[in-house]
């Protein structure tokens, strides 16, 4: 895993929402694709629209560490990791900055 934030894309998954009757978000990175019911984003986002009709029609992108805990994806940066680990509200979610395995 990288020791710096990675690029991600986030979009609403209408097809799975219709099948499951729940809100489904897709978070894509170069390493994985996650389908979650809730996204908590603590980084800046850029919106992109595909005018040619390609799917997904619109998505959000940015750079973050991506953590999935249960049915929630957390998109965080270095500052957020430190803050969340110091706050009792996030007691069950202890985030650590990823390090290279090499």
Protein backbone atom coordinates (compact mmCIF):
# COMPACT_ATOMS: atom_id res chain seq x y z
CA UNK A 1 0.00 0.00 0.00
CA UNK A 2 1.21 3.48 -0.74
CA UNK A 3 2.49 5.84 1.94
CA UNK A 4 0.70 8.77 0.31
CA UNK A 5 -2.97 9.36 -0.56
CA UNK A 6 -4.16 7.68 -3.74
CA UNK A 7 -6.56 8.91 -6.43
CA UNK A 8 -10.15 7.77 -6.06
CA UNK A 9 -13.41 8.17 -7.94
CA UNK A 10 -16.77 8.16 -6.20
CA UNK A 11 -20.18 7.79 -7.85
CA UNK A 12 -23.74 6.80 -7.06
CA UNK A 13 -24.54 3.26 -8.20
CA UNK A 14 -28.08 3.48 -9.57
CA UNK A 15 -28.24 -0.11 -10.86
CA UNK A 16 -27.37 -1.68 -7.50
CA UNK A 17 -29.64 0.79 -5.70
CA UNK A 18 -32.56 -0.40 -7.81
CA UNK A 19 -31.70 -4.06 -7.17
CA UNK A 20 -31.07 -3.77 -3.42
CA UNK A 21 -33.54 -0.95 -2.68
CA UNK A 22 -30.73 0.79 -0.75
CA UNK A 23 -28.39 3.65 -1.48
CA UNK A 24 -25.18 2.24 -2.97
CA UNK A 25 -22.01 4.23 -3.63
CA UNK A 26 -19.03 2.97 -5.60
CA UNK A 27 -15.54 4.04 -4.56
CA UNK A 28 -12.88 3.13 -7.13
CA UNK A 29 -9.12 3.24 -6.67
CA UNK A 30 -6.30 1.76 -8.72
CA UNK A 31 -6.17 -1.09 -6.18
CA UNK A 32 -9.83 -1.92 -5.51
CA UNK A 33 -13.50 -1.14 -6.06
CA UNK A 34 -15.78 -0.84 -3.01
CA UNK A 35 -19.57 -0.71 -2.91
CA UNK A 36 -20.81 0.87 0.29
CA UNK A 37 -24.00 2.40 1.68
CA UNK A 38 -22.39 5.47 3.22
CA UNK A 39 -19.36 7.64 2.43
CA UNK A 40 -17.70 9.98 4.92
CA UNK A 41 -15.40 12.26 2.98
CA UNK A 42 -12.87 14.53 4.72
CA UNK A 43 -10.89 15.66 1.65
CA UNK A 44 -11.40 18.09 -1.23
CA UNK A 45 -13.34 16.79 -4.23
CA UNK A 46 -13.48 17.61 -7.93
CA UNK A 47 -16.71 17.01 -9.86
CA UNK A 48 -16.61 15.61 -13.38
CA UNK A 49 -19.46 15.27 -15.87
CA UNK A 50 -19.35 13.01 -18.94
CA UNK A 51 -21.32 14.94 -21.59
CA UNK A 52 -21.14 12.09 -24.11
CA UNK A 53 -23.43 9.98 -21.93
CA UNK A 54 -20.78 7.48 -20.81
CA UNK A 55 -21.46 5.84 -17.47
CA UNK A 56 -21.09 6.96 -14.81
CA UNK A 57 -22.56 10.21 -16.08
CA UNK A 58 -21.03 12.22 -13.22
CA UNK A 59 -18.54 11.39 -10.49
CA UNK A 60 -16.43 12.94 -7.76
CA UNK A 61 -12.68 12.42 -7.53
CA UNK A 62 -9.78 13.34 -5.30
CA UNK A 63 -6.80 12.01 -3.37
CA UNK A 64 -7.20 10.23 -0.03
CA UNK A 65 -6.49 7.21 2.06
CA UNK A 66 -9.53 4.96 1.54
CA UNK A 67 -10.73 2.88 4.49
CA UNK A 68 -13.82 0.70 4.54
CA UNK A 69 -15.34 -0.10 7.92
CA UNK A 70 -18.55 -2.10 7.76
CA UNK A 71 -20.81 -0.49 5.16
CA UNK A 72 -19.06 2.91 5.34
CA UNK A 73 -16.11 4.19 3.31
CA UNK A 74 -13.88 6.86 4.90
CA UNK A 75 -11.90 9.13 2.58
CA UNK A 76 -9.29 10.84 4.77
CA UNK A 77 -5.94 12.64 4.73
CA UNK A 78 -3.03 12.74 7.22
CA UNK A 79 -4.56 15.46 9.40
CA UNK A 80 -7.87 13.67 9.59
CA UNK A 81 -6.23 10.39 10.68
CA UNK A 82 -4.60 12.16 13.65
CA UNK A 83 -7.83 13.95 14.60
CA UNK A 84 -10.01 10.85 14.35
CA UNK A 85 -7.64 8.79 16.50
CA UNK A 86 -7.76 11.47 19.23
CA UNK A 87 -11.57 11.73 19.24
CA UNK A 88 -13.65 9.31 21.36
CA UNK A 89 -16.44 9.41 18.75
CA UNK A 90 -14.24 7.34 16.41
CA UNK A 91 -13.17 4.91 19.14
CA UNK A 92 -14.00 1.76 17.15
CA UNK A 93 -12.24 3.09 14.04
CA UNK A 94 -8.53 3.35 14.74
CA UNK A 95 -6.91 4.51 11.50
CA UNK A 96 -3.25 4.16 10.75
CA UNK A 97 -1.34 5.70 7.92
CA UNK A 98 -0.51 2.94 5.40
CA UNK A 99 3.15 2.12 4.82
CA UNK A 100 4.92 0.40 1.97
CA UNK A 101 5.32 -3.34 2.45
CA UNK A 102 8.73 -3.29 0.73
